[in-house]
Amino acid sequence: MGRLIGILVSGTHQRGLQAVLWVVAFVGLLGVASWIVAEQVSLNMRAETQRSLEGYERLRTNVLATFDEMDRRLTQPPCSAAFLEELRRIAFLPDGINELLYAPDGVVQCSVNSGRLQRPEVLGEPDVYPDNAFAMTFWVDRDLGFLGLEGMTGTLAQRGPLAMVVPLQTLPAIGPRWMEQELVFRFSDELWSHRDGTAGIYANAVSSDGPAFGALLSGVFHELSCDAGGIHCVASRSYLTQLFGLGWATVGVILLVAAVLAAWVAQQVHRLIQRYWSFEARFLRRLDKGSVICAYQPLLNLRTGIVDGCEVLARWRDVDGTIVPPDRFLPIIEKQGLTERFTGMVVAQALADLKSRLPQGVNLQVNFNIFPQDLDARRLLPIFAPFLTEASPFDVVVELVETAEIRPETAQVEIERLQAAGLKVYIDDFGAGYSSMHNLAALSVDGVKLDRSFAMAPDHSVMSNMLAHAIDLVQASGRSLVVEGVETQERLDALKKTGMVDFAQGYGISRPLLIEALISYLAEHGPRPRTRPRLVA
């Protein structure tokens, strides 16, 4: 079972998994080949029919947009020179519609190209009344001679007193050779007009409303799609002989269709498997106390030379047993709004680790990261309450991870409440992200942790030179200072010489340790057991 999960989780076996899925799908599909042929043909025809309808969807969008523009921009008296100038500006829009009319009650009085007509043109009874989804009236195949377009016909659309000549639309010139199509203009459910393509397909498609399997038995497939208003419709027809060619053996057809659909089914199943076993999905399913692991990175007190604290770093155990670092799952936690819940899990796990293993008489500072959106004493204090008992050997520090902007005016109140309960508050990653000197000055935090990029920068680089200035800045604020990212003994010695750094952490001191390794490390480098009563504010 573990090996199967490893294959599903790993990205290295996906091609083999897809091949297996194809074989399984192919074998299964052979048993229902007839149904598969019908469904696949219908699916392909539906896609092609929708593609043919796209031009009419664009036309509808352009017509509606042009009417909206005319309603918005036409402000002058109808058919005046200023009104016609406004019409011309709208006609220049790149939508293919360039003959705009003023036709109240179906009587054309002027147009953008002909100006005011010498004699108003009465359009008469419309072919489509405005009881459709677009509230538009249509006159189909009307003689446009009154607009100076002798010998030409066109479709007129009217909304309110405004109208336009709708550009002629035809079926795509290039389409699948295995399919015939017809374009119709629907006046009603019972009445329509052939516009393009092979006449008669629409009538057959309307009456052929049975299942795809029945179409397979008859050898003729129909597909019908209409625009949102049900005015333009495209009907498609295909024969099995057109699809597969005359003389093909039936078994060849079945095998071909089964092979094609097997690939499609395998792809869909593979996507479902990928989605179910994606990292985010696995993490959200398994986010519980048992999957959260705490690592502890020692904090070296540079004034005493003793490791008397640690930062709690969260890890997560994946379904295959691998340990996942926080940079992969913290964005998911923030996106899903699980920050407070996750903080509670980490704090509970750290308490379980430390309380049972820390030798009696040893006091330890424990630093936890919290998200700025969780800076609410009413919610945080119950989470940290087990660490704040009178007999607790722990000094708890919460570090504000500035993944979002902190509002000093509200944050200050919450910081004071946390401090009153016995917690210390640090600004984390100072010098990166949203951290700023303004927060340092405005918030009564107990300490500041410099972003690791300062200490990890190469000697004589800009960031390395800025380290001393950052230390001076924090020292001037009177806050405790922690420098993380200390990788070398030379950098650690340089920090000690400043006399202004309180704590340091980094791989040059110790990598993050699991609890058993931490206890062993503290036995060698940590404080000696002593009795110290906890002061409660």
Protein backbone atom coordinates (compact mmCIF):
# COMPACT_ATOMS: atom_id res chain seq x y z
CA MET A 1 0.00 0.00 0.00
CA GLY A 2 2.81 2.37 0.88
CA ARG A 3 4.47 1.71 -2.48
CA LEU A 4 1.24 2.47 -4.33
CA ILE A 5 0.85 5.74 -2.43
CA GLY A 6 4.44 6.59 -3.26
CA ILE A 7 3.71 6.10 -6.97
CA LEU A 8 0.60 8.29 -6.78
CA VAL A 9 2.45 11.03 -4.91
CA SER A 10 5.68 10.92 -6.90
CA GLY A 11 6.02 12.79 -10.16
CA THR A 12 8.48 10.25 -11.60
CA HIS A 13 5.95 7.48 -12.31
CA GLN A 14 3.28 9.49 -14.06
CA ARG A 15 3.98 8.21 -17.57
CA GLY A 16 3.77 4.61 -16.41
CA LEU A 17 0.61 5.39 -14.45
CA GLN A 18 -0.95 6.94 -17.54
CA ALA A 19 -0.07 3.87 -19.60
CA VAL A 20 -1.66 1.54 -17.07
CA LEU A 21 -4.78 3.68 -16.94
CA TRP A 22 -5.01 3.63 -20.75
CA VAL A 23 -4.83 -0.17 -20.86
CA VAL A 24 -7.49 -0.54 -18.17
CA ALA A 25 -9.74 2.01 -19.89
CA PHE A 26 -9.22 0.41 -23.32
CA VAL A 27 -10.16 -3.04 -22.09
CA GLY A 28 -13.20 -1.70 -20.27
CA LEU A 29 -14.36 0.41 -23.19
CA LEU A 30 -14.35 -2.53 -25.59
CA GLY A 31 -17.34 -3.93 -23.69
CA VAL A 32 -19.40 -0.79 -24.29
CA ALA A 33 -17.95 0.26 -27.64
CA SER A 34 -21.23 1.15 -29.29
CA TRP A 35 -22.20 3.59 -26.54
CA ILE A 36 -18.72 5.05 -26.60
CA VAL A 37 -18.84 5.66 -30.35
CA ALA A 38 -22.14 7.50 -30.01
CA GLU A 39 -20.98 9.68 -27.12
CA GLN A 40 -17.66 10.55 -28.71
CA VAL A 41 -19.22 11.51 -32.00
CA SER A 42 -21.78 13.66 -30.19
CA LEU A 43 -19.05 15.29 -28.15
CA ASN A 44 -16.98 16.14 -31.24
CA MET A 45 -19.99 17.45 -33.10
CA ARG A 46 -21.02 19.58 -30.12
CA ALA A 47 -17.55 21.13 -29.99
CA GLU A 48 -17.54 21.86 -33.73
CA THR A 49 -21.09 23.24 -33.60
CA GLN A 50 -20.19 25.53 -30.71
CA ARG A 51 -17.12 26.66 -32.62
CA SER A 52 -19.29 27.53 -35.62
CA LEU A 53 -21.60 29.47 -33.31
CA GLU A 54 -18.81 31.58 -31.86
CA GLY A 55 -19.05 34.12 -34.69
CA TYR A 56 -22.70 34.74 -33.88
CA GLU A 57 -21.95 35.03 -30.21
CA ARG A 58 -19.39 37.72 -31.06
CA LEU A 59 -21.90 39.38 -33.36
CA ARG A 60 -24.51 39.41 -30.58
CA THR A 61 -21.97 40.90 -28.17
CA ASN A 62 -21.04 43.60 -30.69
CA VAL A 63 -24.68 44.44 -31.43
CA LEU A 64 -25.55 44.78 -27.76
CA ALA A 65 -22.40 46.81 -27.08
CA THR A 66 -23.19 49.15 -29.96
CA PHE A 67 -26.75 49.69 -28.70
CA ASP A 68 -25.33 50.41 -25.25
CA GLU A 69 -22.90 52.92 -26.75
CA MET A 70 -25.70 54.65 -28.66
CA ASP A 71 -27.86 54.83 -25.52
CA ARG A 72 -24.95 56.33 -23.63
CA ARG A 73 -23.42 58.69 -26.18
CA LEU A 74 -26.35 60.00 -28.26
CA THR A 75 -27.39 63.21 -26.55
CA GLN A 76 -28.22 65.57 -29.40
CA PRO A 77 -31.66 66.06 -31.04
CA PRO A 78 -32.41 63.05 -33.29
CA CYS A 79 -31.23 63.36 -36.90
CA SER A 80 -29.60 66.74 -36.26
CA ALA A 81 -26.10 67.32 -37.64
CA ALA A 82 -24.66 66.90 -34.15
CA PHE A 83 -26.65 63.68 -33.68
CA LEU A 84 -25.33 62.26 -36.97
CA GLU A 85 -21.78 63.18 -35.96
CA GLU A 86 -22.25 61.22 -32.74
CA LEU A 87 -23.51 58.29 -34.79
CA ARG A 88 -20.43 58.45 -37.04
CA ARG A 89 -18.12 58.28 -34.04
CA ILE A 90 -19.90 55.17 -32.81
CA ALA A 91 -19.84 53.67 -36.31
CA PHE A 92 -16.03 53.93 -36.30
CA LEU A 93 -15.80 51.48 -33.37
CA PRO A 94 -13.93 48.31 -34.47
CA ASP A 95 -16.93 45.97 -34.26
CA GLY A 96 -17.89 45.63 -37.94
CA ILE A 97 -21.17 47.54 -37.46
CA ASN A 98 -21.16 50.77 -39.48
CA GLU A 99 -24.73 51.52 -40.56
CA LEU A 100 -26.66 52.96 -37.62
CA LEU A 101 -30.22 54.23 -37.85
CA TYR A 102 -32.71 56.32 -35.97
CA ALA A 103 -36.03 54.47 -36.44
CA PRO A 104 -38.64 55.17 -33.75
CA ASP A 105 -41.63 52.81 -34.01
CA GLY A 106 -40.03 51.09 -36.98
CA VAL A 107 -39.85 54.23 -39.14
CA VAL A 108 -36.33 55.04 -40.36
CA GLN A 109 -35.75 58.79 -40.30
CA CYS A 110 -31.99 59.03 -40.70
CA SER A 111 -28.84 56.89 -40.82
CA VAL A 112 -25.15 57.42 -40.27
CA ASN A 113 -24.31 56.94 -43.96
CA SER A 114 -27.40 58.45 -45.64
CA GLY A 115 -28.10 61.26 -43.20
CA ARG A 116 -31.71 62.39 -42.90
CA LEU A 117 -33.87 60.52 -45.38
CA GLN A 118 -35.90 62.60 -47.80
CA ARG A 119 -38.79 60.34 -47.01
CA PRO A 120 -38.96 58.26 -43.82
CA GLU A 121 -38.93 54.52 -44.49
CA VAL A 122 -41.64 52.48 -42.79
CA LEU A 123 -40.22 49.02 -42.07
CA GLY A 124 -43.62 47.47 -41.42
CA GLU A 125 -44.31 44.30 -39.48
CA PRO A 126 -41.13 42.87 -37.98
CA ASP A 127 -40.08 39.28 -38.43
CA VAL A 128 -39.05 38.96 -34.78
CA TYR A 129 -40.85 40.88 -32.05
CA PRO A 130 -38.98 42.27 -29.02
CA ASP A 131 -40.12 39.50 -26.64
CA ASN A 132 -36.71 37.83 -26.80
CA ALA A 133 -33.83 37.84 -24.31
CA PHE A 134 -32.34 40.99 -25.90
CA ALA A 135 -35.59 42.99 -26.19
CA MET A 136 -34.76 43.62 -29.86
CA THR A 137 -36.93 43.72 -32.95
CA PHE A 138 -35.67 42.22 -36.22
CA TRP A 139 -36.50 42.67 -39.89
CA VAL A 140 -34.85 39.92 -41.94
CA ASP A 141 -33.78 40.16 -45.60
CA ARG A 142 -35.15 43.67 -46.07
CA ASP A 143 -34.32 45.67 -49.19
CA LEU A 144 -31.72 48.29 -48.29
CA GLY A 145 -32.39 50.45 -51.32
CA PHE A 146 -33.83 53.20 -49.11
CA LEU A 147 -30.29 53.57 -47.68
CA GLY A 148 -28.76 53.93 -51.12
CA LEU A 149 -27.70 50.27 -51.21
CA GLU A 150 -29.55 49.26 -54.38
CA GLY A 151 -29.94 45.54 -54.96
CA MET A 152 -28.78 44.66 -51.43
CA THR A 153 -30.70 43.07 -48.58
CA GLY A 154 -29.87 42.84 -44.92
CA THR A 155 -31.12 42.25 -41.41
CA LEU A 156 -32.14 45.24 -39.31
CA ALA A 157 -32.11 45.12 -35.51
CA GLN A 158 -33.89 47.71 -33.38
CA ARG A 159 -33.83 48.45 -29.66
CA GLY A 160 -35.89 51.41 -28.57
CA PRO A 161 -35.79 54.13 -31.23
CA LEU A 162 -32.33 53.07 -32.45
CA ALA A 163 -31.52 50.49 -35.08
CA MET A 164 -28.66 49.10 -37.13
CA VAL A 165 -27.93 46.95 -40.12
CA VAL A 166 -26.51 43.72 -38.75
CA PRO A 167 -23.50 42.48 -40.76
CA LEU A 168 -24.07 39.28 -42.72
CA GLN A 169 -22.69 36.23 -40.93
CA THR A 170 -21.98 32.91 -42.60
CA LEU A 171 -20.72 29.55 -41.48
CA PRO A 172 -16.93 29.12 -41.28
CA ALA A 173 -15.45 28.56 -44.72
CA ILE A 174 -13.31 25.70 -43.43
CA GLY A 175 -14.95 23.01 -41.31
CA PRO A 176 -14.67 19.28 -40.68
CA ARG A 177 -15.19 17.25 -43.86
CA TRP A 178 -17.12 14.63 -41.92
CA MET A 179 -19.87 17.03 -40.86
CA GLU A 180 -22.49 19.20 -42.61
CA GLN A 181 -24.03 22.29 -41.05
CA GLU A 182 -26.93 24.67 -41.50
CA LEU A 183 -27.37 28.16 -40.09
CA VAL A 184 -30.92 29.35 -39.46
CA PHE A 185 -32.55 32.52 -38.14
CA ARG A 186 -35.36 31.54 -35.77
CA PHE A 187 -38.53 33.63 -35.73
CA SER A 188 -40.29 31.22 -33.32
CA ASP A 189 -40.20 27.57 -32.32
CA GLU A 190 -42.19 26.68 -35.41
CA LEU A 191 -40.80 29.20 -37.91
CA TRP A 192 -37.24 29.77 -39.06
CA SER A 193 -35.32 30.92 -42.12
CA HIS A 194 -32.41 29.15 -43.78
CA ARG A 195 -29.36 31.42 -43.88
CA ASP A 196 -26.35 29.32 -44.88
CA GLY A 197 -25.10 25.75 -45.26
CA THR A 198 -27.10 22.64 -46.19
CA ALA A 199 -30.86 23.25 -46.01
CA GLY A 200 -32.99 20.79 -44.05
CA ILE A 201 -30.46 19.85 -41.35
CA TYR A 202 -32.08 22.10 -38.75
CA ALA A 203 -35.53 20.55 -39.25
CA ASN A 204 -34.09 17.06 -38.85
CA ALA A 205 -32.05 18.08 -35.79
CA VAL A 206 -35.14 19.51 -34.08
CA SER A 207 -37.01 16.24 -34.54
CA SER A 208 -34.00 14.05 -33.67
CA ASP A 209 -33.99 14.52 -29.93
CA GLY A 210 -33.20 10.96 -28.94
CA PRO A 211 -30.12 9.51 -27.18
CA ALA A 212 -26.78 9.29 -28.93
CA PHE A 213 -26.96 5.49 -28.90
CA GLY A 214 -30.11 5.65 -31.04
CA ALA A 215 -28.28 7.92 -33.48
CA LEU A 216 -25.54 5.30 -33.74
CA LEU A 217 -28.08 2.64 -34.66
CA SER A 218 -29.61 4.88 -37.33
CA GLY A 219 -26.19 5.89 -38.63
CA VAL A 220 -27.00 9.62 -38.51
CA PHE A 221 -25.90 12.06 -35.79
CA HIS A 222 -27.42 15.51 -35.25
CA GLU A 223 -26.30 18.35 -33.03
CA LEU A 224 -28.05 21.68 -32.45
CA SER A 225 -26.82 24.81 -30.68
CA CYS A 226 -28.35 28.29 -30.47
CA ASP A 227 -27.08 31.59 -29.13
CA ALA A 228 -28.21 32.91 -25.78
CA GLY A 229 -31.32 34.51 -27.26
CA GLY A 230 -32.26 31.48 -29.36
CA ILE A 231 -32.17 33.57 -32.55
CA HIS A 232 -29.16 32.21 -34.45
CA CYS A 233 -28.94 28.42 -34.46
CA VAL A 234 -26.40 26.07 -36.00
CA ALA A 235 -27.45 22.48 -36.72
CA SER A 236 -24.90 19.81 -37.62
CA ARG A 237 -25.28 16.38 -39.21
CA SER A 238 -22.82 13.53 -39.68
CA TYR A 239 -23.14 10.02 -41.08
CA LEU A 240 -21.09 7.07 -39.90
CA THR A 241 -19.93 6.64 -43.48
CA GLN A 242 -18.58 10.20 -43.40
CA LEU A 243 -16.84 9.56 -40.10
CA PHE A 244 -15.07 6.34 -40.86
CA GLY A 245 -15.17 5.93 -44.63
CA LEU A 246 -16.90 3.29 -46.69
CA GLY A 247 -15.53 -0.22 -46.47
CA TRP A 248 -14.03 -0.01 -42.98
CA ALA A 249 -14.50 -3.17 -41.00
CA THR A 250 -16.78 -2.77 -37.99
CA VAL A 251 -14.19 -4.17 -35.68
CA GLY A 252 -11.71 -1.58 -36.91
CA VAL A 253 -14.15 1.20 -36.11
CA ILE A 254 -14.78 -0.19 -32.64
CA LEU A 255 -11.10 -0.58 -31.89
CA LEU A 256 -10.25 2.90 -33.16
CA VAL A 257 -12.97 4.62 -31.17
CA ALA A 258 -12.17 2.54 -28.10
CA ALA A 259 -8.50 3.50 -28.40
CA VAL A 260 -9.30 7.21 -28.74
CA LEU A 261 -11.74 7.23 -25.87
CA ALA A 262 -9.48 5.11 -23.73
CA ALA A 263 -6.86 7.84 -24.04
CA TRP A 264 -9.44 10.46 -23.07
CA VAL A 265 -10.75 8.44 -20.10
CA ALA A 266 -7.23 7.71 -18.93
CA GLN A 267 -6.39 11.41 -19.11
CA GLN A 268 -9.46 12.38 -17.08
CA VAL A 269 -8.81 9.71 -14.44
CA HIS A 270 -5.17 10.77 -14.29
CA ARG A 271 -6.22 14.37 -13.69
CA LEU A 272 -8.55 13.27 -10.90
CA ILE A 273 -5.76 11.24 -9.34
CA GLN A 274 -3.37 14.16 -9.64
CA ARG A 275 -5.93 16.51 -8.12
CA TYR A 276 -6.71 14.14 -5.23
CA TRP A 277 -3.06 13.41 -4.55
CA SER A 278 -1.80 16.95 -5.15
CA PHE A 279 0.25 18.36 -2.33
CA GLU A 280 -2.39 20.88 -1.29
CA ALA A 281 -5.16 18.25 -1.23
CA ARG A 282 -3.00 15.82 0.78
CA PHE A 283 -2.01 18.53 3.22
CA LEU A 284 -5.57 19.68 3.87
CA ARG A 285 -6.80 16.10 4.34
CA ARG A 286 -4.03 15.23 6.80
CA LEU A 287 -3.70 18.48 8.71
CA ASP A 288 -4.11 17.08 12.21
CA LYS A 289 -2.13 16.88 15.40
CA GLY A 290 -0.45 13.64 14.39
CA SER A 291 0.99 15.05 11.17
CA VAL A 292 2.50 18.23 12.64
CA ILE A 293 6.12 17.91 13.72
CA CYS A 294 8.15 20.49 15.59
CA ALA A 295 11.82 21.16 14.97
CA TYR A 296 13.74 23.39 17.36
CA GLN A 297 16.58 25.70 16.35
CA PRO A 298 18.75 26.69 19.31
CA LEU A 299 19.16 30.36 20.27
CA LEU A 300 22.64 31.23 21.49
CA ASN A 301 22.77 33.95 24.14
CA LEU A 302 25.81 35.96 23.06
CA ARG A 303 26.11 37.65 26.44
CA THR A 304 26.41 34.36 28.37
CA GLY A 305 27.59 32.00 25.65
CA ILE A 306 24.82 29.58 26.64
CA VAL A 307 22.00 28.24 24.51
CA ASP A 308 19.03 29.17 26.67
CA GLY A 309 16.30 29.33 24.03
CA CYS A 310 15.00 27.86 20.83
CA GLU A 311 12.70 28.76 17.99
CA VAL A 312 9.91 26.31 17.22
CA LEU A 313 9.81 25.52 13.50
CA ALA A 314 6.87 23.61 12.08
CA ARG A 315 7.24 20.63 9.81
CA TRP A 316 4.60 18.33 8.30
CA ARG A 317 4.70 14.59 7.71
CA ASP A 318 3.40 13.62 4.26
CA VAL A 319 1.42 10.45 3.54
CA ASP A 320 4.58 8.69 2.37
CA GLY A 321 6.44 9.60 5.56
CA THR A 322 8.61 12.38 4.13
CA ILE A 323 9.06 15.52 6.22
CA VAL A 324 7.95 18.66 4.41
CA PRO A 325 9.48 22.10 5.18
CA PRO A 326 7.19 25.05 5.95
CA ASP A 327 7.80 27.01 2.75
CA ARG A 328 5.63 24.47 0.91
CA PHE A 329 2.61 24.43 3.19
CA LEU A 330 2.51 27.85 4.90
CA PRO A 331 1.08 29.56 1.78
CA ILE A 332 -1.71 26.95 1.78
CA ILE A 333 -2.46 27.65 5.44
CA GLU A 334 -2.74 31.37 4.79
CA LYS A 335 -4.82 30.89 1.65
CA GLN A 336 -7.27 28.59 3.43
CA GLY A 337 -7.52 30.77 6.56
CA LEU A 338 -6.10 28.06 8.84
CA THR A 339 -3.41 30.14 10.53
CA GLU A 340 -4.92 30.19 14.02
CA ARG A 341 -5.75 26.50 13.94
CA PHE A 342 -2.24 25.64 12.76
CA THR A 343 -0.63 27.82 15.44
CA GLY A 344 -2.65 25.93 18.04
CA MET A 345 -1.40 22.60 16.70
CA VAL A 346 2.22 23.73 16.76
CA VAL A 347 1.98 25.12 20.29
CA ALA A 348 0.28 21.95 21.56
CA GLN A 349 2.91 19.73 19.91
CA ALA A 350 5.79 21.82 21.29
CA LEU A 351 4.32 21.66 24.80
CA ALA A 352 3.97 17.88 24.56
CA ASP A 353 7.60 17.58 23.36
CA LEU A 354 9.23 19.94 25.86
CA LYS A 355 7.19 19.41 28.99
CA SER A 356 7.91 15.70 29.14
CA ARG A 357 11.61 15.89 28.23
CA LEU A 358 13.06 19.13 29.58
CA PRO A 359 15.05 18.39 32.74
CA GLN A 360 13.66 19.85 35.96
CA GLY A 361 15.20 23.12 36.97
CA VAL A 362 16.05 24.13 33.40
CA ASN A 363 14.42 27.31 32.15
CA LEU A 364 14.09 27.77 28.43
CA GLN A 365 12.97 30.62 26.19
CA VAL A 366 10.68 29.27 23.47
CA ASN A 367 9.95 31.38 20.38
CA PHE A 368 6.85 30.80 18.24
CA ASN A 369 5.97 32.39 14.91
CA ILE A 370 2.48 33.84 14.57
CA PHE A 371 0.77 35.39 11.59
CA PRO A 372 -0.10 39.09 11.76
CA GLN A 373 -3.78 38.35 11.08
CA ASP A 374 -3.83 36.30 14.29
CA LEU A 375 -2.53 39.14 16.47
CA ASP A 376 -5.51 39.04 18.83
CA ALA A 377 -4.84 38.47 22.51
CA ARG A 378 -8.30 37.03 23.15
CA ARG A 379 -7.60 34.21 20.70
CA LEU A 380 -3.86 33.74 21.30
CA LEU A 381 -3.83 33.62 25.11
CA PRO A 382 -5.95 30.44 25.34
CA ILE A 383 -3.56 28.79 22.87
CA PHE A 384 -0.46 29.70 24.91
CA ALA A 385 -2.11 29.33 28.33
CA PRO A 386 -0.43 25.93 29.12
CA PHE A 387 2.98 27.64 28.70
CA LEU A 388 2.05 30.49 31.06
CA THR A 389 1.29 28.66 34.29
CA GLU A 390 3.02 29.80 37.46
CA ALA A 391 5.26 26.72 37.57
CA SER A 392 6.10 26.80 33.88
CA PRO A 393 9.83 26.67 33.10
CA PHE A 394 9.26 28.43 29.79
CA ASP A 395 9.59 32.05 28.74
CA VAL A 396 7.43 32.38 25.66
CA VAL A 397 8.17 34.78 22.81
CA VAL A 398 5.81 35.26 19.89
CA GLU A 399 7.42 36.47 16.68
CA LEU A 400 5.26 38.42 14.26
CA VAL A 401 5.82 36.94 10.82
CA GLU A 402 5.17 39.95 8.60
CA THR A 403 3.55 38.22 5.65
CA ALA A 404 1.02 41.06 5.62
CA GLU A 405 1.07 44.66 6.71
CA ILE A 406 0.73 45.32 10.44
CA ARG A 407 -1.46 48.21 11.51
CA PRO A 408 0.34 49.81 14.47
CA GLU A 409 -2.76 51.48 15.90
CA THR A 410 -4.50 48.12 16.49
CA ALA A 411 -1.40 45.97 16.92
CA GLN A 412 -0.12 48.03 19.87
CA VAL A 413 -3.20 47.26 21.98
CA GLU A 414 -2.89 43.52 21.34
CA ILE A 415 0.85 43.54 22.05
CA GLU A 416 0.28 45.19 25.42
CA ARG A 417 -2.34 42.57 26.32
CA LEU A 418 0.02 39.75 25.41
CA GLN A 419 2.84 41.29 27.42
CA ALA A 420 0.55 41.75 30.42
CA ALA A 421 -0.15 38.01 30.33
CA GLY A 422 3.58 37.15 30.38
CA LEU A 423 4.38 36.83 26.69
CA LYS A 424 7.17 38.67 24.92
CA VAL A 425 6.65 39.96 21.39
CA TYR A 426 9.32 40.22 18.69
CA ILE A 427 9.21 41.56 15.15
CA ASP A 428 10.43 38.78 12.86
CA ASP A 429 12.45 39.17 9.64
CA PHE A 430 13.13 42.86 10.25
CA GLY A 431 14.41 44.50 7.08
CA ALA A 432 12.34 42.37 4.69
CA GLY A 433 8.74 42.17 3.56
CA TYR A 434 6.43 44.59 5.35
CA SER A 435 8.76 45.30 8.29
CA SER A 436 9.81 48.90 8.69
CA MET A 437 11.39 51.39 11.05
CA HIS A 438 7.91 52.78 11.57
CA ASN A 439 6.76 49.52 13.19
CA LEU A 440 9.91 49.40 15.27
CA ALA A 441 9.24 52.89 16.60
CA ALA A 442 5.48 52.60 16.94
CA LEU A 443 5.16 49.20 18.60
CA SER A 444 6.34 48.42 22.12
CA VAL A 445 7.82 45.07 21.12
CA ASP A 446 10.38 43.37 23.31
CA GLY A 447 12.77 42.44 20.57
CA VAL A 448 13.64 42.34 16.90
CA LYS A 449 14.92 39.50 14.75
CA LEU A 450 16.95 40.63 11.75
CA ASP A 451 16.16 38.98 8.45
CA ARG A 452 18.59 36.17 7.63
CA SER A 453 19.66 37.88 4.40
CA PHE A 454 21.83 40.27 6.44
CA ALA A 455 23.90 37.62 8.20
CA MET A 456 24.04 35.27 5.21
CA ALA A 457 25.28 37.93 2.79
CA PRO A 458 28.88 37.55 1.51
CA ASP A 459 31.49 39.72 3.18
CA HIS A 460 31.79 43.24 1.78
CA SER A 461 28.46 42.94 -0.05
CA VAL A 462 25.83 45.66 0.31
CA MET A 463 23.68 43.51 2.61
CA SER A 464 26.70 42.58 4.70
CA ASN A 465 27.65 46.24 5.12
CA MET A 466 24.07 47.06 6.08
CA LEU A 467 24.18 44.53 8.92
CA ALA A 468 26.11 46.89 11.19
CA HIS A 469 23.67 49.71 10.44
CA ALA A 470 20.68 47.46 11.17
CA ILE A 471 22.24 46.45 14.49
CA ASP A 472 22.81 50.11 15.39
CA LEU A 473 19.22 50.92 14.50
CA VAL A 474 17.75 48.21 16.72
CA GLN A 475 20.18 49.03 19.52
CA ALA A 476 19.06 52.66 19.43
CA SER A 477 15.46 51.51 19.85
CA GLY A 478 16.32 49.73 23.09
CA ARG A 479 14.95 46.36 21.91
CA SER A 480 16.56 42.96 22.30
CA LEU A 481 18.20 41.85 19.08
CA VAL A 482 18.31 38.41 17.49
CA VAL A 483 20.37 37.79 14.35
CA GLU A 484 19.39 34.70 12.40
CA GLY A 485 21.09 33.09 9.44
CA VAL A 486 24.50 32.90 11.14
CA GLU A 487 26.33 30.36 9.01
CA THR A 488 30.00 30.74 9.94
CA GLN A 489 32.11 31.07 13.04
CA GLU A 490 33.66 34.26 11.62
CA ARG A 491 30.25 35.92 11.39
CA LEU A 492 29.35 34.73 14.89
CA ASP A 493 32.62 36.15 16.30
CA ALA A 494 31.97 39.46 14.55
CA LEU A 495 28.50 39.67 16.10
CA LYS A 496 29.91 38.96 19.56
CA LYS A 497 32.45 41.77 19.16
CA THR A 498 29.71 44.33 18.56
CA GLY A 499 28.41 43.80 22.10
CA MET A 500 24.97 44.81 20.82
CA VAL A 501 23.50 41.46 19.74
CA ASP A 502 21.60 39.49 22.37
CA PHE A 503 20.88 36.23 20.53
CA ALA A 504 22.08 34.49 17.39
CA GLN A 505 20.79 31.47 15.54
CA GLY A 506 21.70 29.70 12.35
CA TYR A 507 23.43 26.66 10.94
CA GLY A 508 26.76 27.97 12.25
CA ILE A 509 25.35 27.33 15.75
CA SER A 510 23.02 24.42 15.12
CA ARG A 511 20.61 23.16 12.52
CA PRO A 512 16.96 22.74 13.58
CA LEU A 513 16.72 19.65 15.78
CA LEU A 514 13.98 17.21 16.60
CA ILE A 515 13.09 17.06 20.26
CA GLU A 516 15.40 14.22 21.32
CA ALA A 517 18.36 15.83 19.58
CA LEU A 518 17.47 19.19 21.14
CA ILE A 519 17.48 17.76 24.66
CA SER A 520 20.90 16.20 24.01
CA TYR A 521 22.16 19.50 22.59
CA LEU A 522 20.90 21.45 25.62
CA ALA A 523 22.59 18.98 27.96
CA GLU A 524 25.91 20.02 26.40
CA HIS A 525 25.34 23.67 25.48
CA GLY A 526 22.31 24.75 27.47
CA PRO A 527 21.76 26.19 30.96
CA ARG A 528 22.40 24.15 34.03
CA PRO A 529 19.39 23.10 36.12
CA ARG A 530 18.47 25.67 38.74
CA THR A 531 15.50 26.69 40.72
CA ARG A 532 13.93 29.91 39.54
CA PRO A 533 10.43 30.93 40.60
CA ARG A 534 8.36 32.21 37.70
CA LEU A 535 7.29 35.82 38.07
CA VAL A 536 3.66 36.34 37.18
CA ALA A 537 2.51 39.83 36.28
